[in-house]
PDB file of N, CA and C in Angstrom:
ATOM      1  N   MET A   1     -17.870   2.701 -12.304  1.00  0.00           N
ATOM      2  CA  MET A   1     -16.904   1.793 -11.723  1.00  0.00           C
ATOM      3  C   MET A   1     -17.662   0.610 -11.120  1.00  0.00           C
ATOM      4  N   THR A   2     -17.092  -0.582 -11.313  1.00  0.00           N
ATOM      5  CA  THR A   2     -17.681  -1.810 -10.788  1.00  0.00           C
ATOM      6  C   THR A   2     -16.667  -2.496  -9.884  1.00  0.00           C
ATOM      7  N   TYR A   3     -17.035  -2.730  -8.639  1.00  0.00           N
ATOM      8  CA  TYR A   3     -16.176  -3.497  -7.735  1.00  0.00           C
ATOM      9  C   TYR A   3     -16.233  -4.964  -8.132  1.00  0.00           C
ATOM     10  N   VAL A   4     -15.094  -5.637  -8.076  1.00  0.00           N
ATOM     11  CA  VAL A   4     -15.001  -7.045  -8.477  1.00  0.00           C
ATOM     12  C   VAL A   4     -14.488  -7.856  -7.286  1.00  0.00           C
ATOM     13  N   PHE A   5     -15.143  -8.989  -7.062  1.00  0.00           N
ATOM     14  CA  PHE A   5     -14.820  -9.856  -5.932  1.00  0.00           C
ATOM     15  C   PHE A   5     -14.463 -11.246  -6.429  1.00  0.00           C
ATOM     16  N   ARG A   6     -13.648 -11.932  -5.652  1.00  0.00           N
ATOM     17  CA  ARG A   6     -13.385 -13.346  -5.916  1.00  0.00           C
ATOM     18  C   ARG A   6     -14.634 -14.124  -5.533  1.00  0.00           C
ATOM     19  N   GLU A   7     -14.740 -15.328  -6.000  1.00  0.00           N
ATOM     20  CA  GLU A   7     -15.885 -16.163  -5.664  1.00  0.00           C
ATOM     21  C   GLU A   7     -15.965 -16.386  -4.145  1.00  0.00           C
ATOM     22  N   SER A   8     -14.832 -16.322  -3.466  1.00  0.00           N
ATOM     23  CA  SER A   8     -14.795 -16.478  -2.010  1.00  0.00           C
ATOM     24  C   SER A   8     -15.423 -15.293  -1.285  1.00  0.00           C
ATOM     25  N   GLY A   9     -15.679 -14.203  -2.018  1.00  0.00           N
ATOM     26  CA  GLY A   9     -16.221 -12.988  -1.432  1.00  0.00           C
ATOM     27  C   GLY A   9     -15.166 -11.945  -1.140  1.00  0.00           C
ATOM     28  N   ARG A  10     -13.900 -12.295  -1.265  1.00  0.00           N
ATOM     29  CA  ARG A  10     -12.811 -11.352  -0.998  1.00  0.00           C
ATOM     30  C   ARG A  10     -12.703 -10.328  -2.128  1.00  0.00           C
ATOM     31  N   TYR A  11     -12.525  -9.074  -1.757  1.00  0.00           N
ATOM     32  CA  TYR A  11     -12.395  -7.996  -2.733  1.00  0.00           C
ATOM     33  C   TYR A  11     -11.149  -8.205  -3.583  1.00  0.00           C
ATOM     34  N   PHE A  12     -11.293  -8.120  -4.905  1.00  0.00           N
ATOM     35  CA  PHE A  12     -10.164  -8.256  -5.817  1.00  0.00           C
ATOM     36  C   PHE A  12      -9.708  -6.904  -6.346  1.00  0.00           C
ATOM     37  N   GLY A  13     -10.647  -6.114  -6.836  1.00  0.00           N
ATOM     38  CA  GLY A  13     -10.312  -4.844  -7.472  1.00  0.00           C
ATOM     39  C   GLY A  13     -11.553  -4.245  -8.108  1.00  0.00           C
ATOM     40  N   TYR A  14     -11.362  -3.614  -9.254  1.00  0.00           N
ATOM     41  CA  TYR A  14     -12.485  -2.913  -9.862  1.00  0.00           C
ATOM     42  C   TYR A  14     -12.302  -2.815 -11.371  1.00  0.00           C
ATOM     43  N   ILE A  15     -13.402  -2.547 -12.042  1.00  0.00           N
ATOM     44  CA  ILE A  15     -13.388  -2.273 -13.476  1.00  0.00           C
ATOM     45  C   ILE A  15     -13.814  -0.829 -13.650  1.00  0.00           C
ATOM     46  N   ALA A  16     -12.984  -0.053 -14.331  1.00  0.00           N
ATOM     47  CA  ALA A  16     -13.276   1.353 -14.597  1.00  0.00           C
ATOM     48  C   ALA A  16     -12.899   1.658 -16.038  1.00  0.00           C
ATOM     49  N   MET A  17     -13.785   2.287 -16.760  1.00  0.00           N
ATOM     50  CA  MET A  17     -13.564   2.659 -18.157  1.00  0.00           C
ATOM     51  C   MET A  17     -13.087   1.469 -18.980  1.00  0.00           C
ATOM     52  N   GLY A  18     -13.660   0.292 -18.712  1.00  0.00           N
ATOM     53  CA  GLY A  18     -13.341  -0.902 -19.481  1.00  0.00           C
ATOM     54  C   GLY A  18     -12.059  -1.608 -19.091  1.00  0.00           C
ATOM     55  N   ALA A  19     -11.350  -1.104 -18.085  1.00  0.00           N
ATOM     56  CA  ALA A  19     -10.092  -1.720 -17.660  1.00  0.00           C
ATOM     57  C   ALA A  19     -10.272  -2.387 -16.303  1.00  0.00           C
ATOM     58  N   LEU A  20      -9.597  -3.527 -16.111  1.00  0.00           N
ATOM     59  CA  LEU A  20      -9.604  -4.258 -14.845  1.00  0.00           C
ATOM     60  C   LEU A  20      -8.382  -3.853 -14.035  1.00  0.00           C
ATOM     61  N   TYR A  21      -8.597  -3.492 -12.774  1.00  0.00           N
ATOM     62  CA  TYR A  21      -7.523  -3.088 -11.871  1.00  0.00           C
ATOM     63  C   TYR A  21      -7.568  -3.955 -10.615  1.00  0.00           C
ATOM     64  N   THR A  22      -6.414  -4.179 -10.010  1.00  0.00           N
ATOM     65  CA  THR A  22      -6.360  -4.855  -8.716  1.00  0.00           C
ATOM     66  C   THR A  22      -6.757  -3.865  -7.626  1.00  0.00           C
ATOM     67  N   ALA A  23      -6.906  -4.358  -6.407  1.00  0.00           N
ATOM     68  CA  ALA A  23      -7.236  -3.491  -5.272  1.00  0.00           C
ATOM     69  C   ALA A  23      -6.164  -2.429  -5.049  1.00  0.00           C
ATOM     70  N   ALA A  24      -4.930  -2.726  -5.439  1.00  0.00           N
ATOM     71  CA  ALA A  24      -3.819  -1.780  -5.282  1.00  0.00           C
ATOM     72  C   ALA A  24      -3.738  -0.779  -6.435  1.00  0.00           C
ATOM     73  N   GLY A  25      -4.656  -0.895  -7.417  1.00  0.00           N
ATOM     74  CA  GLY A  25      -4.664   0.029  -8.540  1.00  0.00           C
ATOM     75  C   GLY A  25      -3.804  -0.403  -9.713  1.00  0.00           C
ATOM     76  N   GLU A  26      -3.256  -1.608  -9.686  1.00  0.00           N
ATOM     77  CA  GLU A  26      -2.437  -2.122 -10.784  1.00  0.00           C
ATOM     78  C   GLU A  26      -3.330  -2.554 -11.949  1.00  0.00           C
ATOM     79  N   HIS A  27      -2.989  -2.131 -13.147  1.00  0.00           N
ATOM     80  CA  HIS A  27      -3.751  -2.542 -14.328  1.00  0.00           C
ATOM     81  C   HIS A  27      -3.575  -4.042 -14.522  1.00  0.00           C
ATOM     82  N   ALA A  28      -4.696  -4.784 -14.541  1.00  0.00           N
ATOM     83  CA  ALA A  28      -4.640  -6.240 -14.620  1.00  0.00           C
ATOM     84  C   ALA A  28      -5.255  -6.794 -15.896  1.00  0.00           C
ATOM     85  N   GLY A  29      -6.000  -5.996 -16.643  1.00  0.00           N
ATOM     86  CA  GLY A  29      -6.632  -6.488 -17.868  1.00  0.00           C
ATOM     87  C   GLY A  29      -7.727  -5.556 -18.328  1.00  0.00           C
ATOM     88  N   TRP A  30      -8.686  -6.120 -19.054  1.00  0.00           N
ATOM     89  CA  TRP A  30      -9.786  -5.303 -19.555  1.00  0.00           C
ATOM     90  C   TRP A  30     -11.048  -6.137 -19.701  1.00  0.00           C
ATOM     91  N   MET A  31     -12.180  -5.434 -19.895  1.00  0.00           N
ATOM     92  CA  MET A  31     -13.460  -6.072 -20.162  1.00  0.00           C
ATOM     93  C   MET A  31     -13.950  -5.561 -21.506  1.00  0.00           C
ATOM     94  N   ASP A  32     -14.382  -6.485 -22.366  1.00  0.00           N
ATOM     95  CA  ASP A  32     -14.876  -6.056 -23.672  1.00  0.00           C
ATOM     96  C   ASP A  32     -16.361  -5.706 -23.583  1.00  0.00           C
ATOM     97  N   GLY A  33     -16.933  -5.332 -24.705  1.00  0.00           N
ATOM     98  CA  GLY A  33     -18.330  -4.916 -24.752  1.00  0.00           C
ATOM     99  C   GLY A  33     -19.328  -6.028 -24.504  1.00  0.00           C
ATOM    100  N   ASN A  34     -18.875  -7.265 -24.491  1.00  0.00           N
ATOM    101  CA  ASN A  34     -19.757  -8.405 -24.242  1.00  0.00           C
ATOM    102  C   ASN A  34     -19.672  -8.906 -22.804  1.00  0.00           C
ATOM    103  N   GLY A  35     -18.909  -8.213 -21.961  1.00  0.00           N
ATOM    104  CA  GLY A  35     -18.760  -8.632 -20.566  1.00  0.00           C
ATOM    105  C   GLY A  35     -17.687  -9.674 -20.358  1.00  0.00           C
ATOM    106  N   CYS A  36     -16.893  -9.976 -21.403  1.00  0.00           N
ATOM    107  CA  CYS A  36     -15.776 -10.915 -21.270  1.00  0.00           C
ATOM    108  C   CYS A  36     -14.590 -10.171 -20.659  1.00  0.00           C
ATOM    109  N   VAL A  37     -13.903 -10.822 -19.720  1.00  0.00           N
ATOM    110  CA  VAL A  37     -12.779 -10.192 -19.023  1.00  0.00           C
ATOM    111  C   VAL A  37     -11.500 -10.924 -19.399  1.00  0.00           C
ATOM    112  N   TRP A  38     -10.462 -10.143 -19.683  1.00  0.00           N
ATOM    113  CA  TRP A  38      -9.167 -10.642 -20.161  1.00  0.00           C
ATOM    114  C   TRP A  38      -8.070 -10.101 -19.277  1.00  0.00           C
ATOM    115  N   ASP A  39      -6.968 -10.850 -19.132  1.00  0.00           N
ATOM    116  CA  ASP A  39      -5.821 -10.295 -18.414  1.00  0.00           C
ATOM    117  C   ASP A  39      -4.986  -9.463 -19.384  1.00  0.00           C
ATOM    118  N   ARG A  40      -3.908  -8.869 -18.902  1.00  0.00           N
ATOM    119  CA  ARG A  40      -3.078  -7.981 -19.747  1.00  0.00           C
ATOM    120  C   ARG A  40      -2.439  -8.700 -20.915  1.00  0.00           C
ATOM    121  N   ASN A  41      -2.321 -10.026 -20.842  1.00  0.00           N
ATOM    122  CA  ASN A  41      -1.715 -10.801 -21.922  1.00  0.00           C
ATOM    123  C   ASN A  41      -2.746 -11.382 -22.879  1.00  0.00           C
ATOM    124  N   ALA A  42      -3.974 -10.889 -22.796  1.00  0.00           N
ATOM    125  CA  ALA A  42      -5.091 -11.331 -23.636  1.00  0.00           C
ATOM    126  C   ALA A  42      -5.502 -12.772 -23.356  1.00  0.00           C
ATOM    127  N   THR A  43      -5.300 -13.225 -22.123  1.00  0.00           N
ATOM    128  CA  THR A  43      -5.777 -14.533 -21.695  1.00  0.00           C
ATOM    129  C   THR A  43      -7.180 -14.353 -21.139  1.00  0.00           C
ATOM    130  N   TYR A  44      -8.108 -15.152 -21.626  1.00  0.00           N
ATOM    131  CA  TYR A  44      -9.500 -15.077 -21.184  1.00  0.00           C
ATOM    132  C   TYR A  44      -9.619 -15.487 -19.726  1.00  0.00           C
ATOM    133  N   LEU A  45     -10.234 -14.626 -18.911  1.00  0.00           N
ATOM    134  CA  LEU A  45     -10.443 -14.917 -17.502  1.00  0.00           C
ATOM    135  C   LEU A  45     -11.859 -15.411 -17.226  1.00  0.00           C
ATOM    136  N   GLY A  46     -12.831 -14.869 -17.934  1.00  0.00           N
ATOM    137  CA  GLY A  46     -14.214 -15.269 -17.727  1.00  0.00           C
ATOM    138  C   GLY A  46     -15.176 -14.145 -18.061  1.00  0.00           C
ATOM    139  N   GLN A  47     -16.392 -14.318 -17.606  1.00  0.00           N
ATOM    140  CA  GLN A  47     -17.494 -13.396 -17.871  1.00  0.00           C
ATOM    141  C   GLN A  47     -17.834 -12.656 -16.582  1.00  0.00           C
ATOM    142  N   LEU A  48     -18.148 -11.366 -16.675  1.00  0.00           N
ATOM    143  CA  LEU A  48     -18.611 -10.634 -15.507  1.00  0.00           C
ATOM    144  C   LEU A  48     -20.019 -11.120 -15.177  1.00  0.00           C
ATOM    145  N   VAL A  49     -20.209 -11.634 -13.970  1.00  0.00           N
ATOM    146  CA  VAL A  49     -21.481 -12.207 -13.534  1.00  0.00           C
ATOM    147  C   VAL A  49     -21.983 -11.436 -12.323  1.00  0.00           C
ATOM    148  N   ASP A  50     -23.269 -11.131 -12.318  1.00  0.00           N
ATOM    149  CA  ASP A  50     -23.901 -10.413 -11.200  1.00  0.00           C
ATOM    150  C   ASP A  50     -23.214  -9.079 -10.922  1.00  0.00           C
ATOM    151  N   ASP A  51     -22.602  -8.473 -11.929  1.00  0.00           N
ATOM    152  CA  ASP A  51     -21.891  -7.198 -11.785  1.00  0.00           C
ATOM    153  C   ASP A  51     -20.900  -7.202 -10.625  1.00  0.00           C
ATOM    154  N   ALA A  52     -20.311  -8.382 -10.352  1.00  0.00           N
ATOM    155  CA  ALA A  52     -19.393  -8.437  -9.218  1.00  0.00           C
ATOM    156  C   ALA A  52     -18.347  -9.538  -9.316  1.00  0.00           C
ATOM    157  N   TYR A  53     -18.583 -10.584 -10.084  1.00  0.00           N
ATOM    158  CA  TYR A  53     -17.687 -11.745 -10.120  1.00  0.00           C
ATOM    159  C   TYR A  53     -17.233 -12.021 -11.546  1.00  0.00           C
ATOM    160  N   VAL A  54     -15.992 -12.459 -11.708  1.00  0.00           N
ATOM    161  CA  VAL A  54     -15.494 -12.909 -13.005  1.00  0.00           C
ATOM    162  C   VAL A  54     -15.449 -14.429 -12.922  1.00  0.00           C
ATOM    163  N   LEU A  55     -16.360 -15.068 -13.653  1.00  0.00           N
ATOM    164  CA  LEU A  55     -16.472 -16.519 -13.612  1.00  0.00           C
ATOM    165  C   LEU A  55     -16.247 -17.091 -14.998  1.00  0.00           C
ATOM    166  N   ARG A  56     -15.594 -18.241 -15.040  1.00  0.00           N
ATOM    167  CA  ARG A  56     -15.323 -18.924 -16.313  1.00  0.00           C
ATOM    168  C   ARG A  56     -16.017 -20.277 -16.285  1.00  0.00           C
ATOM    169  N   SER A  57     -16.718 -20.573 -17.360  1.00  0.00           N
ATOM    170  CA  SER A  57     -17.384 -21.864 -17.476  1.00  0.00           C
ATOM    171  C   SER A  57     -16.422 -22.874 -18.084  1.00  0.00           C
ATOM    172  N   LEU A  58     -16.328 -24.031 -17.454  1.00  0.00           N
ATOM    173  CA  LEU A  58     -15.452 -25.085 -17.969  1.00  0.00           C
ATOM    174  C   LEU A  58     -16.073 -25.824 -19.146  1.00  0.00           C
ATOM    175  N   THR A  59     -17.365 -25.578 -19.411  1.00  0.00           N
ATOM    176  CA  THR A  59     -18.038 -26.283 -20.504  1.00  0.00           C
ATOM    177  C   THR A  59     -18.225 -25.436 -21.751  1.00  0.00           C
ATOM    178  N   GLN A  60     -17.872 -24.161 -21.698  1.00  0.00           N
ATOM    179  CA  GLN A  60     -18.024 -23.286 -22.858  1.00  0.00           C
ATOM    180  C   GLN A  60     -16.681 -23.044 -23.530  1.00  0.00           C
ATOM    181  N   THR A  61     -16.717 -22.856 -24.825  1.00  0.00           N
ATOM    182  CA  THR A  61     -15.512 -22.534 -25.581  1.00  0.00           C
ATOM    183  C   THR A  61     -15.084 -21.108 -25.253  1.00  0.00           C
ATOM    184  N   GLU A  62     -13.797 -20.927 -25.029  1.00  0.00           N
ATOM    185  CA  GLU A  62     -13.294 -19.590 -24.735  1.00  0.00           C
ATOM    186  C   GLU A  62     -13.352 -18.728 -25.983  1.00  0.00           C
ATOM    187  N   PRO A  63     -13.865 -17.508 -25.854  1.00  0.00           N
ATOM    188  CA  PRO A  63     -13.904 -16.616 -27.018  1.00  0.00           C
ATOM    189  C   PRO A  63     -12.509 -16.092 -27.350  1.00  0.00           C
ATOM    190  N   ALA A  64     -12.356 -15.612 -28.550  1.00  0.00           N
ATOM    191  CA  ALA A  64     -11.095 -14.974 -28.959  1.00  0.00           C
ATOM    192  C   ALA A  64     -11.188 -13.487 -28.650  1.00  0.00           C
ATOM    193  N   ALA A  65     -10.095 -12.901 -28.234  1.00  0.00           N
ATOM    194  CA  ALA A  65     -10.080 -11.464 -27.957  1.00  0.00           C
ATOM    195  C   ALA A  65     -10.220 -10.706 -29.265  1.00  0.00           C
ATOM    196  N   ASP A  66     -11.141  -9.737 -29.287  1.00  0.00           N
ATOM    197  CA  ASP A  66     -11.351  -8.928 -30.484  1.00  0.00           C
ATOM    198  C   ASP A  66     -10.215  -7.945 -30.712  1.00  0.00           C
ATOM    199  N   SER A  67      -9.677  -7.448 -29.629  1.00  0.00           N
ATOM    200  CA  SER A  67      -8.618  -6.450 -29.732  1.00  0.00           C
ATOM    201  C   SER A  67      -7.758  -6.516 -28.485  1.00  0.00           C
ATOM    202  N   PHE A  68      -6.659  -5.822 -28.547  1.00  0.00           N
ATOM    203  CA  PHE A  68      -5.734  -5.753 -27.419  1.00  0.00           C
ATOM    204  C   PHE A  68      -5.565  -4.276 -27.101  1.00  0.00           C
ATOM    205  N   PRO A  69      -6.385  -3.751 -26.177  1.00  0.00           N
ATOM    206  CA  PRO A  69      -6.353  -2.308 -25.941  1.00  0.00           C
ATOM    207  C   PRO A  69      -5.064  -1.835 -25.289  1.00  0.00           C
ATOM    208  N   ARG A  70      -4.777  -0.570 -25.482  1.00  0.00           N
ATOM    209  CA  ARG A  70      -3.621   0.046 -24.826  1.00  0.00           C
ATOM    210  C   ARG A  70      -3.850   0.082 -23.327  1.00  0.00           C
ATOM    211  N   ALA A  71      -2.773   0.123 -22.586  1.00  0.00           N
ATOM    212  CA  ALA A  71      -2.892   0.275 -21.132  1.00  0.00           C
ATOM    213  C   ALA A  71      -3.566   1.617 -20.856  1.00  0.00           C
ATOM    214  N   PRO A  72      -4.527   1.622 -19.949  1.00  0.00           N
ATOM    215  CA  PRO A  72      -5.246   2.865 -19.667  1.00  0.00           C
ATOM    216  C   PRO A  72      -4.414   3.826 -18.834  1.00  0.00           C
ATOM    217  N   ALA A  73      -4.904   5.044 -18.772  1.00  0.00           N
ATOM    218  CA  ALA A  73      -4.262   6.040 -17.917  1.00  0.00           C
ATOM    219  C   ALA A  73      -4.423   5.620 -16.462  1.00  0.00           C
ATOM    220  N   GLU A  74      -3.503   6.054 -15.626  1.00  0.00           N
ATOM    221  CA  GLU A  74      -3.603   5.741 -14.203  1.00  0.00           C
ATOM    222  C   GLU A  74      -4.798   6.473 -13.609  1.00  0.00           C
ATOM    223  N   LEU A  75      -5.499   5.769 -12.741  1.00  0.00           N
ATOM    224  CA  LEU A  75      -6.648   6.346 -12.049  1.00  0.00           C
ATOM    225  C   LEU A  75      -6.379   6.327 -10.553  1.00  0.00           C
ATOM    226  N   PRO A  76      -7.002   7.231  -9.816  1.00  0.00           N
ATOM    227  CA  PRO A  76      -6.863   7.154  -8.364  1.00  0.00           C
ATOM    228  C   PRO A  76      -7.501   5.855  -7.860  1.00  0.00           C
ATOM    229  N   VAL A  77      -6.894   5.244  -6.879  1.00  0.00           N
ATOM    230  CA  VAL A  77      -7.409   3.988  -6.325  1.00  0.00           C
ATOM    231  C   VAL A  77      -8.584   4.311  -5.406  1.00  0.00           C
ATOM    232  N   PRO A  78      -9.757   3.735  -5.682  1.00  0.00           N
ATOM    233  CA  PRO A  78     -10.909   4.010  -4.818  1.00  0.00           C
ATOM    234  C   PRO A  78     -10.782   3.268  -3.490  1.00  0.00           C
ATOM    235  N   PRO A  79     -11.511   3.704  -2.486  1.00  0.00           N
ATOM    236  CA  PRO A  79     -11.484   2.972  -1.226  1.00  0.00           C
ATOM    237  C   PRO A  79     -12.055   1.571  -1.436  1.00  0.00           C
ATOM    238  N   ALA A  80     -11.463   0.601  -0.781  1.00  0.00           N
ATOM    239  CA  ALA A  80     -11.902  -0.789  -0.937  1.00  0.00           C
ATOM    240  C   ALA A  80     -13.214  -1.010  -0.186  1.00  0.00           C
ATOM    241  N   PRO A  81     -14.165  -1.673  -0.834  1.00  0.00           N
ATOM    242  CA  PRO A  81     -15.400  -2.012  -0.123  1.00  0.00           C
ATOM    243  C   PRO A  81     -15.132  -3.205   0.796  1.00  0.00           C
ATOM    244  N   PRO A  82     -16.041  -3.483   1.714  1.00  0.00           N
ATOM    245  CA  PRO A  82     -15.846  -4.675   2.545  1.00  0.00           C
ATOM    246  C   PRO A  82     -15.976  -5.939   1.709  1.00  0.00           C
ATOM    247  N   ASP A  83     -15.323  -7.002   2.154  1.00  0.00           N
ATOM    248  CA  ASP A  83     -15.494  -8.287   1.484  1.00  0.00           C
ATOM    249  C   ASP A  83     -16.960  -8.688   1.564  1.00  0.00           C
ATOM    250  N   ARG A  84     -17.354  -9.604   0.693  1.00  0.00           N
ATOM    251  CA  ARG A  84     -18.732 -10.089   0.651  1.00  0.00           C
ATOM    252  C   ARG A  84     -18.798 -11.514   1.169  1.00  0.00           C
ATOM    253  N   ARG A  85     -20.012 -11.964   1.334  1.00  0.00           N
ATOM    254  CA  ARG A  85     -20.246 -13.371   1.657  1.00  0.00           C
ATOM    255  C   ARG A  85     -19.831 -14.188   0.441  1.00  0.00           C
ATOM    256  N   ALA A  86     -19.242 -15.345   0.658  1.00  0.00           N
ATOM    257  CA  ALA A  86     -18.828 -16.207  -0.457  1.00  0.00           C
ATOM    258  C   ALA A  86     -20.025 -16.510  -1.342  1.00  0.00           C
ATOM    259  N   GLU A  87     -19.794 -16.504  -2.631  1.00  0.00           N
ATOM    260  CA  GLU A  87     -20.851 -16.764  -3.621  1.00  0.00           C
ATOM    261  C   GLU A  87     -20.419 -17.955  -4.456  1.00  0.00           C
ATOM    262  N   ARG A  88     -20.911 -19.115  -4.143  1.00  0.00           N
ATOM    263  CA  ARG A  88     -20.547 -20.334  -4.870  1.00  0.00           C
ATOM    264  C   ARG A  88     -21.537 -20.569  -5.999  1.00  0.00           C
ATOM    265  N   HIS A  89     -21.064 -20.469  -7.211  1.00  0.00           N
ATOM    266  CA  HIS A  89     -21.921 -20.699  -8.365  1.00  0.00           C
ATOM    267  C   HIS A  89     -21.926 -22.168  -8.763  1.00  0.00           C
ATOM    268  N   GLY A  90     -20.911 -22.906  -8.361  1.00  0.00           N
ATOM    269  CA  GLY A  90     -20.857 -24.343  -8.611  1.00  0.00           C
ATOM    270  C   GLY A  90     -20.520 -24.689 -10.049  1.00  0.00           C
ATOM    271  N   PRO A  91     -20.296 -25.989 -10.286  1.00  0.00           N
ATOM    272  CA  PRO A  91     -19.936 -26.446 -11.633  1.00  0.00           C
ATOM    273  C   PRO A  91     -21.007 -26.051 -12.634  1.00  0.00           C
ATOM    274  N   PRO A  92     -20.607 -25.690 -13.829  1.00  0.00           N
ATOM    275  CA  PRO A  92     -19.254 -25.733 -14.394  1.00  0.00           C
ATOM    276  C   PRO A  92     -18.474 -24.437 -14.178  1.00  0.00           C
ATOM    277  N   TRP A  93     -18.946 -23.548 -13.305  1.00  0.00           N
ATOM    278  CA  TRP A  93     -18.312 -22.247 -13.125  1.00  0.00           C
ATOM    279  C   TRP A  93     -17.152 -22.318 -12.137  1.00  0.00           C
ATOM    280  N   ILE A  94     -16.068 -21.614 -12.481  1.00  0.00           N
ATOM    281  CA  ILE A  94     -14.933 -21.482 -11.570  1.00  0.00           C
ATOM    282  C   ILE A  94     -14.574 -20.006 -11.460  1.00  0.00           C
ATOM    283  N   ASP A  95     -13.827 -19.673 -10.435  1.00  0.00           N
ATOM    284  CA  ASP A  95     -13.403 -18.293 -10.208  1.00  0.00           C
ATOM    285  C   ASP A  95     -12.376 -17.901 -11.269  1.00  0.00           C
ATOM    286  N   GLY A  96     -12.742 -16.994 -12.148  1.00  0.00           N
ATOM    287  CA  GLY A  96     -11.841 -16.561 -13.208  1.00  0.00           C
ATOM    288  C   GLY A  96     -10.651 -15.762 -12.707  1.00  0.00           C
ATOM    289  N   LEU A  97     -10.717 -15.267 -11.484  1.00  0.00           N
ATOM    290  CA  LEU A  97      -9.616 -14.472 -10.926  1.00  0.00           C
ATOM    291  C   LEU A  97      -8.616 -15.317 -10.158  1.00  0.00           C
ATOM    292  N   ALA A  98      -8.849 -16.615 -10.058  1.00  0.00           N
ATOM    293  CA  ALA A  98      -7.944 -17.493  -9.310  1.00  0.00           C
ATOM    294  C   ALA A  98      -6.527 -17.453  -9.864  1.00  0.00           C
ATOM    295  N   VAL A  99      -6.380 -17.207 -11.156  1.00  0.00           N
ATOM    296  CA  VAL A  99      -5.057 -17.147 -11.773  1.00  0.00           C
ATOM    297  C   VAL A  99      -4.206 -16.051 -11.135  1.00  0.00           C
ATOM    298  N   PHE A 100      -4.827 -14.972 -10.675  1.00  0.00           N
ATOM    299  CA  PHE A 100      -4.066 -13.894 -10.047  1.00  0.00           C
ATOM    300  C   PHE A 100      -3.516 -14.324  -8.702  1.00  0.00           C
ATOM    301  N   ALA A 101      -4.221 -15.151  -7.970  1.00  0.00           N
ATOM    302  CA  ALA A 101      -3.708 -15.642  -6.692  1.00  0.00           C
ATOM    303  C   ALA A 101      -2.448 -16.478  -6.921  1.00  0.00           C
ATOM    304  N   GLU A 102      -2.461 -17.251  -8.019  1.00  0.00           N
ATOM    305  CA  GLU A 102      -1.294 -18.062  -8.349  1.00  0.00           C
ATOM    306  C   GLU A 102      -0.087 -17.205  -8.686  1.00  0.00           C
ATOM    307  N   ARG A 103      -0.325 -16.029  -9.264  1.00  0.00           N
ATOM    308  CA  ARG A 103       0.752 -15.131  -9.662  1.00  0.00           C
ATOM    309  C   ARG A 103       1.108 -14.148  -8.556  1.00  0.00           C
ATOM    310  N   LYS A 104       0.405 -14.196  -7.438  1.00  0.00           N
ATOM    311  CA  LYS A 104       0.610 -13.273  -6.328  1.00  0.00           C
ATOM    312  C   LYS A 104       0.338 -11.829  -6.766  1.00  0.00           C
ATOM    313  N   VAL A 105      -0.680 -11.670  -7.617  1.00  0.00           N
ATOM    314  CA  VAL A 105      -1.096 -10.342  -8.087  1.00  0.00           C
ATOM    315  C   VAL A 105      -2.554 -10.193  -7.738  1.00  0.00           C
ATOM    316  N   GLY A 106      -2.992  -8.956  -7.497  1.00  0.00           N
ATOM    317  CA  GLY A 106      -4.403  -8.715  -7.261  1.00  0.00           C
ATOM    318  C   GLY A 106      -4.778  -8.591  -5.807  1.00  0.00           C
ATOM    319  N   SER A 107      -3.810  -8.385  -4.974  1.00  0.00           N
ATOM    320  CA  SER A 107      -4.086  -8.234  -3.554  1.00  0.00           C
ATOM    321  C   SER A 107      -3.530  -6.915  -3.067  1.00  0.00           C
ATOM    322  N   ALA A 108      -4.259  -6.281  -2.208  1.00  0.00           N
ATOM    323  CA  ALA A 108      -3.807  -5.005  -1.636  1.00  0.00           C
ATOM    324  C   ALA A 108      -2.905  -5.252  -0.440  1.00  0.00           C
ATOM    325  N   GLU A 109      -2.693  -6.497  -0.093  1.00  0.00           N
ATOM    326  CA  GLU A 109      -1.884  -6.820   1.089  1.00  0.00           C
ATOM    327  C   GLU A 109      -0.410  -6.583   0.845  1.00  0.00           C
TER     328      GLU A 109
END
């Protein structure tokens, strides 16, 4: 299991068995074998960086999803780790999880 944080350092959720989950345990997407992370609708979110952040480069071409996996089985929600110090990677990188904030998804609040 890999804990995933927003670029701001706030805990977002985790990746387990190739699936991306929010902090509340909601299935939010998946990660392929190349470290590319996708939402449930096969929209590219970015690359897993430093085993903790999903970042998308504004200067790279978005890859095509190889497959659209089935929704995984429900897993027990692990305890949330503490938030981290903000990690600013700077241009051309942006927080690939920002789309979830816009949708009001991905928060345990």
